[in-house]
Amino acid sequence: MPIFSSQSARGFYDDAINTVIPADAVEISRELHAEIIAGPGNGKLIEWGDDSIPFLIDRPMPSTAEMAAIERLWRDGELDATEWLRNRHRDQLDLGVTTTLSGEQFTELLQYLQALRDWPAAEVFPDSAQRPVAPPWIAEQTQ
């Protein structure tokens, strides 16, 4: 049972399954098909030559705008994930009960939240290696 590759459809066809196969489809080996199908899982993209034979290429680096969007999503997620800590501390203060966080921890939290808000304006933005770093104790907190 042969496997076919079609540039126009950007897909693969098995004549045992598919009753309609594009006119530009060419037969490829099962080995090539398996290699090509595994490519995206290894960070590659599938491309097709004019002859409808598929091949793998390296995934292009995201543009600066795409990296900025990714970093803003990360930042927004971090703000959302830590908001409860700030709210709990403020609620405990308002209630006059013992706070879970020390005053020093609360200051560190506020500094981290401000660093997150300032992240898109940082000179090194959107370099993910330069992201603001959360105080290590935040990971130990339970909601």
N, C-alpha and C. Protein backbone atom coordinates (compact mmCIF):
# COMPACT_ATOMS: atom_id res chain seq x y z
N MET A 1 0.84 -1.17 0.00
CA MET A 1 0.00 0.00 0.00
C MET A 1 0.89 1.25 0.00
N PRO A 2 0.91 1.95 -1.09
CA PRO A 2 1.78 3.12 -1.17
C PRO A 2 1.22 4.33 -0.41
N ILE A 3 2.13 5.21 -0.08
CA ILE A 3 1.80 6.51 0.52
C ILE A 3 2.08 7.55 -0.55
N PHE A 4 1.19 8.53 -0.65
CA PHE A 4 1.35 9.60 -1.63
C PHE A 4 1.49 10.93 -0.90
N SER A 5 2.25 11.82 -1.51
CA SER A 5 2.46 13.16 -0.98
C SER A 5 1.98 14.16 -2.01
N SER A 6 1.25 15.18 -1.56
CA SER A 6 0.72 16.20 -2.46
C SER A 6 1.14 17.59 -2.00
N GLN A 7 1.84 18.31 -2.89
CA GLN A 7 2.23 19.68 -2.57
C GLN A 7 1.00 20.58 -2.52
N SER A 8 0.10 20.44 -3.47
CA SER A 8 -1.06 21.34 -3.53
C SER A 8 -1.95 21.20 -2.29
N ALA A 9 -2.09 19.99 -1.78
CA ALA A 9 -2.91 19.76 -0.59
C ALA A 9 -2.08 19.82 0.70
N ARG A 10 -0.76 19.84 0.53
CA ARG A 10 0.15 19.84 1.67
C ARG A 10 -0.22 18.71 2.64
N GLY A 11 -0.35 17.52 2.06
CA GLY A 11 -0.75 16.39 2.87
C GLY A 11 -0.31 15.07 2.30
N PHE A 12 -0.67 14.01 3.01
CA PHE A 12 -0.29 12.65 2.66
C PHE A 12 -1.55 11.82 2.48
N TYR A 13 -1.45 10.83 1.62
CA TYR A 13 -2.60 9.99 1.29
C TYR A 13 -2.17 8.54 1.23
N ASP A 14 -3.04 7.68 1.72
CA ASP A 14 -2.84 6.24 1.66
C ASP A 14 -3.97 5.70 0.80
N ASP A 15 -3.62 5.03 -0.30
CA ASP A 15 -4.68 4.59 -1.22
C ASP A 15 -5.58 3.51 -0.61
N ALA A 16 -5.17 2.94 0.53
CA ALA A 16 -6.04 1.97 1.21
C ALA A 16 -7.13 2.69 2.01
N ILE A 17 -6.91 3.98 2.27
CA ILE A 17 -7.86 4.76 3.07
C ILE A 17 -8.54 5.83 2.23
N ASN A 18 -7.75 6.54 1.45
CA ASN A 18 -8.25 7.68 0.68
C ASN A 18 -8.69 7.24 -0.71
N THR A 19 -9.92 7.57 -1.04
CA THR A 19 -10.42 7.22 -2.37
C THR A 19 -10.12 8.31 -3.39
N VAL A 20 -9.93 9.54 -2.92
CA VAL A 20 -9.59 10.64 -3.81
C VAL A 20 -8.19 11.12 -3.45
N ILE A 21 -7.31 11.10 -4.43
CA ILE A 21 -5.93 11.52 -4.24
C ILE A 21 -5.65 12.64 -5.23
N PRO A 22 -5.08 13.77 -4.79
CA PRO A 22 -4.83 14.90 -5.70
C PRO A 22 -3.98 14.49 -6.91
N ALA A 23 -4.19 15.19 -7.99
CA ALA A 23 -3.50 14.87 -9.25
C ALA A 23 -1.99 15.05 -9.14
N ASP A 24 -1.53 15.97 -8.30
CA ASP A 24 -0.09 16.21 -8.20
C ASP A 24 0.60 15.27 -7.21
N ALA A 25 -0.14 14.34 -6.60
CA ALA A 25 0.44 13.45 -5.60
C ALA A 25 1.44 12.50 -6.24
N VAL A 26 2.53 12.28 -5.50
CA VAL A 26 3.56 11.34 -5.95
C VAL A 26 3.77 10.31 -4.85
N GLU A 27 4.18 9.14 -5.24
CA GLU A 27 4.41 8.07 -4.27
C GLU A 27 5.72 8.33 -3.53
N ILE A 28 5.68 8.13 -2.22
CA ILE A 28 6.89 8.22 -1.40
C ILE A 28 6.99 6.96 -0.55
N SER A 29 8.19 6.69 -0.06
CA SER A 29 8.38 5.49 0.76
C SER A 29 7.75 5.69 2.14
N ARG A 30 7.42 4.57 2.77
CA ARG A 30 6.88 4.64 4.12
C ARG A 30 7.94 5.19 5.09
N GLU A 31 9.21 4.89 4.80
CA GLU A 31 10.29 5.40 5.64
C GLU A 31 10.35 6.93 5.58
N LEU A 32 10.27 7.50 4.36
CA LEU A 32 10.29 8.95 4.22
C LEU A 32 9.06 9.55 4.91
N HIS A 33 7.91 8.92 4.71
CA HIS A 33 6.68 9.40 5.34
C HIS A 33 6.84 9.44 6.86
N ALA A 34 7.37 8.36 7.45
CA ALA A 34 7.56 8.30 8.90
C ALA A 34 8.53 9.39 9.37
N GLU A 35 9.60 9.60 8.62
CA GLU A 35 10.59 10.63 8.97
C GLU A 35 9.95 12.02 8.92
N ILE A 36 9.17 12.27 7.87
CA ILE A 36 8.54 13.58 7.71
C ILE A 36 7.50 13.81 8.80
N ILE A 37 6.71 12.81 9.10
CA ILE A 37 5.67 12.95 10.12
C ILE A 37 6.29 13.19 11.50
N ALA A 38 7.46 12.63 11.76
CA ALA A 38 8.13 12.81 13.05
C ALA A 38 8.78 14.19 13.16
N GLY A 39 9.01 14.86 12.05
CA GLY A 39 9.73 16.13 12.04
C GLY A 39 9.16 17.21 12.94
N PRO A 40 7.86 17.52 12.87
CA PRO A 40 7.32 18.58 13.72
C PRO A 40 7.51 18.33 15.22
N GLY A 41 7.52 17.09 15.62
CA GLY A 41 7.77 16.78 17.02
C GLY A 41 9.21 17.06 17.44
N ASN A 42 10.07 17.22 16.45
CA ASN A 42 11.48 17.51 16.70
C ASN A 42 11.83 18.95 16.32
N GLY A 43 10.82 19.80 16.25
CA GLY A 43 11.06 21.21 15.98
C GLY A 43 11.23 21.57 14.51
N LYS A 44 10.88 20.69 13.63
CA LYS A 44 11.02 20.94 12.19
C LYS A 44 9.66 21.28 11.58
N LEU A 45 9.70 21.88 10.41
CA LEU A 45 8.50 22.16 9.63
C LEU A 45 8.54 21.32 8.36
N ILE A 46 7.36 20.94 7.87
CA ILE A 46 7.28 20.18 6.63
C ILE A 46 7.10 21.15 5.47
N GLU A 47 7.91 20.97 4.45
CA GLU A 47 7.80 21.74 3.21
C GLU A 47 7.70 20.75 2.07
N TRP A 48 7.24 21.23 0.93
CA TRP A 48 7.13 20.39 -0.25
C TRP A 48 7.90 21.02 -1.39
N GLY A 49 8.60 20.18 -2.12
CA GLY A 49 9.27 20.65 -3.33
C GLY A 49 8.26 20.74 -4.46
N ASP A 50 8.67 21.37 -5.56
CA ASP A 50 7.78 21.47 -6.73
C ASP A 50 7.40 20.10 -7.26
N ASP A 51 8.20 19.09 -6.91
CA ASP A 51 7.92 17.72 -7.36
C ASP A 51 7.00 16.98 -6.40
N SER A 52 6.43 17.68 -5.41
CA SER A 52 5.54 17.13 -4.38
C SER A 52 6.25 16.23 -3.37
N ILE A 53 7.57 16.17 -3.43
CA ILE A 53 8.31 15.38 -2.44
C ILE A 53 8.50 16.26 -1.19
N PRO A 54 8.07 15.77 -0.02
CA PRO A 54 8.21 16.56 1.20
C PRO A 54 9.63 16.52 1.75
N PHE A 55 9.98 17.56 2.49
CA PHE A 55 11.26 17.59 3.19
C PHE A 55 11.09 18.44 4.44
N LEU A 56 12.04 18.33 5.34
CA LEU A 56 11.97 19.05 6.61
C LEU A 56 12.89 20.26 6.59
N ILE A 57 12.44 21.34 7.22
CA ILE A 57 13.27 22.53 7.39
C ILE A 57 13.26 22.93 8.86
N ASP A 58 14.26 23.69 9.25
CA ASP A 58 14.29 24.21 10.62
C ASP A 58 13.17 25.22 10.79
N ARG A 59 12.58 25.22 11.95
CA ARG A 59 11.53 26.19 12.27
C ARG A 59 12.18 27.57 12.36
N PRO A 60 11.62 28.57 11.67
CA PRO A 60 12.22 29.90 11.75
C PRO A 60 12.06 30.50 13.14
N MET A 61 13.00 31.35 13.48
CA MET A 61 12.92 32.05 14.77
C MET A 61 11.71 32.97 14.75
N PRO A 62 11.02 33.12 15.88
CA PRO A 62 9.89 34.05 15.90
C PRO A 62 10.37 35.48 15.69
N SER A 63 9.52 36.29 15.11
CA SER A 63 9.84 37.70 14.90
C SER A 63 9.87 38.41 16.26
N THR A 64 10.41 39.61 16.27
CA THR A 64 10.43 40.39 17.50
C THR A 64 9.01 40.63 18.01
N ALA A 65 8.09 40.90 17.10
CA ALA A 65 6.69 41.12 17.50
C ALA A 65 6.09 39.85 18.10
N GLU A 66 6.40 38.69 17.51
CA GLU A 66 5.90 37.42 18.06
C GLU A 66 6.50 37.15 19.44
N MET A 67 7.80 37.40 19.58
CA MET A 67 8.45 37.20 20.88
C MET A 67 7.86 38.15 21.92
N ALA A 68 7.57 39.38 21.53
CA ALA A 68 6.97 40.34 22.45
C ALA A 68 5.59 39.87 22.90
N ALA A 69 4.82 39.33 21.97
CA ALA A 69 3.48 38.82 22.32
C ALA A 69 3.59 37.64 23.28
N ILE A 70 4.55 36.76 23.04
CA ILE A 70 4.77 35.61 23.92
C ILE A 70 5.15 36.09 25.32
N GLU A 71 6.03 37.06 25.38
CA GLU A 71 6.48 37.58 26.68
C GLU A 71 5.36 38.29 27.42
N ARG A 72 4.52 39.00 26.70
CA ARG A 72 3.39 39.66 27.37
C ARG A 72 2.42 38.62 27.93
N LEU A 73 2.20 37.53 27.18
CA LEU A 73 1.34 36.45 27.68
C LEU A 73 1.94 35.83 28.94
N TRP A 74 3.25 35.60 28.91
CA TRP A 74 3.92 35.05 30.09
C TRP A 74 3.75 36.00 31.27
N ARG A 75 4.03 37.29 31.03
CA ARG A 75 3.94 38.29 32.09
C ARG A 75 2.53 38.34 32.67
N ASP A 76 1.52 38.37 31.79
CA ASP A 76 0.13 38.41 32.26
C ASP A 76 -0.20 37.18 33.09
N GLY A 77 0.31 36.03 32.68
CA GLY A 77 0.09 34.80 33.45
C GLY A 77 0.73 34.85 34.82
N GLU A 78 1.93 35.41 34.89
CA GLU A 78 2.61 35.56 36.18
C GLU A 78 1.85 36.51 37.10
N LEU A 79 1.37 37.61 36.54
CA LEU A 79 0.59 38.55 37.35
C LEU A 79 -0.68 37.88 37.88
N ASP A 80 -1.36 37.15 37.01
CA ASP A 80 -2.58 36.44 37.43
C ASP A 80 -2.28 35.38 38.49
N ALA A 81 -1.16 34.68 38.33
CA ALA A 81 -0.82 33.57 39.23
C ALA A 81 -0.41 34.05 40.62
N THR A 82 0.01 35.30 40.75
CA THR A 82 0.47 35.79 42.05
C THR A 82 -0.49 36.79 42.69
N GLU A 83 -1.52 37.16 41.96
CA GLU A 83 -2.48 38.15 42.47
C GLU A 83 -3.09 37.71 43.80
N TRP A 84 -3.38 36.42 43.92
CA TRP A 84 -4.01 35.92 45.14
C TRP A 84 -3.13 36.14 46.37
N LEU A 85 -1.80 36.08 46.19
CA LEU A 85 -0.91 36.30 47.33
C LEU A 85 -1.04 37.73 47.86
N ARG A 86 -1.05 38.68 46.93
CA ARG A 86 -1.20 40.09 47.32
C ARG A 86 -2.56 40.30 47.99
N ASN A 87 -3.61 39.75 47.38
CA ASN A 87 -4.96 39.92 47.92
C ASN A 87 -5.10 39.28 49.31
N ARG A 88 -4.53 38.09 49.48
CA ARG A 88 -4.62 37.43 50.78
C ARG A 88 -3.93 38.27 51.86
N HIS A 89 -2.75 38.77 51.53
CA HIS A 89 -2.01 39.57 52.51
C HIS A 89 -2.79 40.83 52.88
N ARG A 90 -3.33 41.51 51.89
CA ARG A 90 -4.10 42.72 52.16
C ARG A 90 -5.36 42.41 52.98
N ASP A 91 -6.03 41.30 52.64
CA ASP A 91 -7.22 40.90 53.40
C ASP A 91 -6.85 40.61 54.86
N GLN A 92 -5.73 39.91 55.07
CA GLN A 92 -5.31 39.59 56.43
C GLN A 92 -5.00 40.86 57.22
N LEU A 93 -4.37 41.84 56.55
CA LEU A 93 -4.11 43.12 57.21
C LEU A 93 -5.41 43.83 57.57
N ASP A 94 -6.36 43.85 56.63
CA ASP A 94 -7.65 44.50 56.87
C ASP A 94 -8.41 43.84 58.02
N LEU A 95 -8.28 42.52 58.13
CA LEU A 95 -8.97 41.79 59.20
C LEU A 95 -8.24 41.89 60.53
N GLY A 96 -7.00 42.35 60.49
CA GLY A 96 -6.23 42.45 61.72
C GLY A 96 -5.74 41.11 62.23
N VAL A 97 -5.60 40.14 61.33
CA VAL A 97 -5.11 38.82 61.73
C VAL A 97 -3.64 38.69 61.33
N THR A 98 -3.01 37.66 61.87
CA THR A 98 -1.60 37.42 61.54
C THR A 98 -1.49 37.12 60.04
N THR A 99 -0.55 37.78 59.40
CA THR A 99 -0.38 37.60 57.96
C THR A 99 0.49 36.37 57.68
N THR A 100 0.18 35.72 56.59
CA THR A 100 0.96 34.56 56.16
C THR A 100 2.34 34.99 55.69
N LEU A 101 2.39 36.11 55.00
CA LEU A 101 3.67 36.64 54.51
C LEU A 101 4.25 37.60 55.53
N SER A 102 5.56 37.60 55.61
CA SER A 102 6.22 38.61 56.45
C SER A 102 6.18 39.94 55.70
N GLY A 103 6.46 41.02 56.39
CA GLY A 103 6.52 42.32 55.74
C GLY A 103 7.56 42.34 54.63
N GLU A 104 8.69 41.67 54.88
CA GLU A 104 9.76 41.61 53.88
C GLU A 104 9.30 40.84 52.64
N GLN A 105 8.60 39.73 52.86
CA GLN A 105 8.09 38.95 51.73
C GLN A 105 7.08 39.76 50.92
N PHE A 106 6.22 40.48 51.62
CA PHE A 106 5.22 41.28 50.90
C PHE A 106 5.90 42.35 50.06
N THR A 107 6.94 42.97 50.59
CA THR A 107 7.69 43.97 49.83
C THR A 107 8.33 43.31 48.60
N GLU A 108 8.92 42.13 48.78
CA GLU A 108 9.51 41.41 47.64
C GLU A 108 8.45 41.08 46.60
N LEU A 109 7.27 40.68 47.06
CA LEU A 109 6.17 40.37 46.14
C LEU A 109 5.79 41.61 45.34
N LEU A 110 5.62 42.73 46.02
CA LEU A 110 5.25 43.96 45.32
C LEU A 110 6.34 44.39 44.33
N GLN A 111 7.60 44.21 44.70
CA GLN A 111 8.69 44.54 43.79
C GLN A 111 8.67 43.64 42.56
N TYR A 112 8.38 42.36 42.76
CA TYR A 112 8.28 41.42 41.64
C TYR A 112 7.11 41.80 40.73
N LEU A 113 5.96 42.11 41.31
CA LEU A 113 4.80 42.50 40.51
C LEU A 113 5.10 43.76 39.70
N GLN A 114 5.81 44.70 40.30
CA GLN A 114 6.17 45.92 39.57
C GLN A 114 7.16 45.60 38.45
N ALA A 115 8.11 44.72 38.71
CA ALA A 115 9.06 44.31 37.67
C ALA A 115 8.32 43.65 36.51
N LEU A 116 7.29 42.87 36.81
CA LEU A 116 6.48 42.26 35.75
C LEU A 116 5.76 43.33 34.93
N ARG A 117 5.20 44.31 35.61
CA ARG A 117 4.50 45.38 34.89
C ARG A 117 5.47 46.18 34.02
N ASP A 118 6.69 46.36 34.51
CA ASP A 118 7.70 47.13 33.78
C ASP A 118 8.39 46.32 32.68
N TRP A 119 8.22 45.01 32.68
CA TRP A 119 8.95 44.12 31.77
C TRP A 119 8.84 44.55 30.31
N PRO A 120 7.67 44.85 29.76
CA PRO A 120 7.62 45.23 28.35
C PRO A 120 8.39 46.52 28.01
N ALA A 121 8.66 47.36 28.99
CA ALA A 121 9.40 48.60 28.74
C ALA A 121 10.90 48.44 28.97
N ALA A 122 11.31 47.27 29.44
CA ALA A 122 12.74 47.04 29.72
C ALA A 122 13.54 47.03 28.43
N GLU A 123 14.78 47.49 28.52
CA GLU A 123 15.66 47.56 27.35
C GLU A 123 15.91 46.18 26.75
N VAL A 124 15.93 45.13 27.58
CA VAL A 124 16.23 43.77 27.11
C VAL A 124 14.97 43.01 26.65
N PHE A 125 13.80 43.61 26.80
CA PHE A 125 12.55 42.98 26.35
C PHE A 125 12.61 42.80 24.84
N PRO A 126 12.22 41.68 24.27
CA PRO A 126 11.53 40.51 24.81
C PRO A 126 12.43 39.28 25.00
N ASP A 127 13.65 39.47 25.44
CA ASP A 127 14.57 38.35 25.66
C ASP A 127 14.11 37.55 26.88
N SER A 128 13.57 36.36 26.64
CA SER A 128 13.00 35.57 27.73
C SER A 128 14.04 35.20 28.79
N ALA A 129 15.31 35.18 28.43
CA ALA A 129 16.35 34.88 29.41
C ALA A 129 16.52 36.02 30.42
N GLN A 130 15.96 37.18 30.12
CA GLN A 130 16.10 38.35 30.99
C GLN A 130 14.83 38.65 31.78
N ARG A 131 13.89 37.73 31.79
CA ARG A 131 12.62 37.93 32.50
C ARG A 131 12.84 38.25 33.97
N PRO A 132 11.91 38.99 34.57
CA PRO A 132 11.97 39.18 36.02
C PRO A 132 11.87 37.81 36.71
N VAL A 133 12.62 37.66 37.79
CA VAL A 133 12.66 36.38 38.50
C VAL A 133 11.86 36.51 39.79
N ALA A 134 10.96 35.55 39.98
CA ALA A 134 10.12 35.54 41.19
C ALA A 134 10.96 35.18 42.40
N PRO A 135 10.66 35.77 43.54
CA PRO A 135 11.33 35.34 44.77
C PRO A 135 11.08 33.84 44.97
N PRO A 136 12.09 33.09 45.36
CA PRO A 136 11.93 31.63 45.45
C PRO A 136 10.82 31.17 46.39
N TRP A 137 10.53 31.92 47.42
CA TRP A 137 9.52 31.50 48.39
C TRP A 137 8.11 31.48 47.80
N ILE A 138 7.89 32.18 46.69
CA ILE A 138 6.54 32.21 46.09
C ILE A 138 6.10 30.80 45.70
N ALA A 139 7.03 30.01 45.19
CA ALA A 139 6.70 28.64 44.76
C ALA A 139 6.24 27.77 45.93
N GLU A 140 6.61 28.14 47.14
CA GLU A 140 6.25 27.35 48.32
C GLU A 140 4.87 27.69 48.87
N GLN A 141 4.27 28.76 48.37
CA GLN A 141 2.96 29.20 48.87
C GLN A 141 1.85 28.32 48.30
N THR A 142 0.84 28.08 49.10
CA THR A 142 -0.32 27.32 48.64
C THR A 142 -1.55 28.20 48.68
N GLN A 143 -2.37 28.02 47.70
CA GLN A 143 -3.57 28.85 47.57
C GLN A 143 -4.71 28.28 48.38
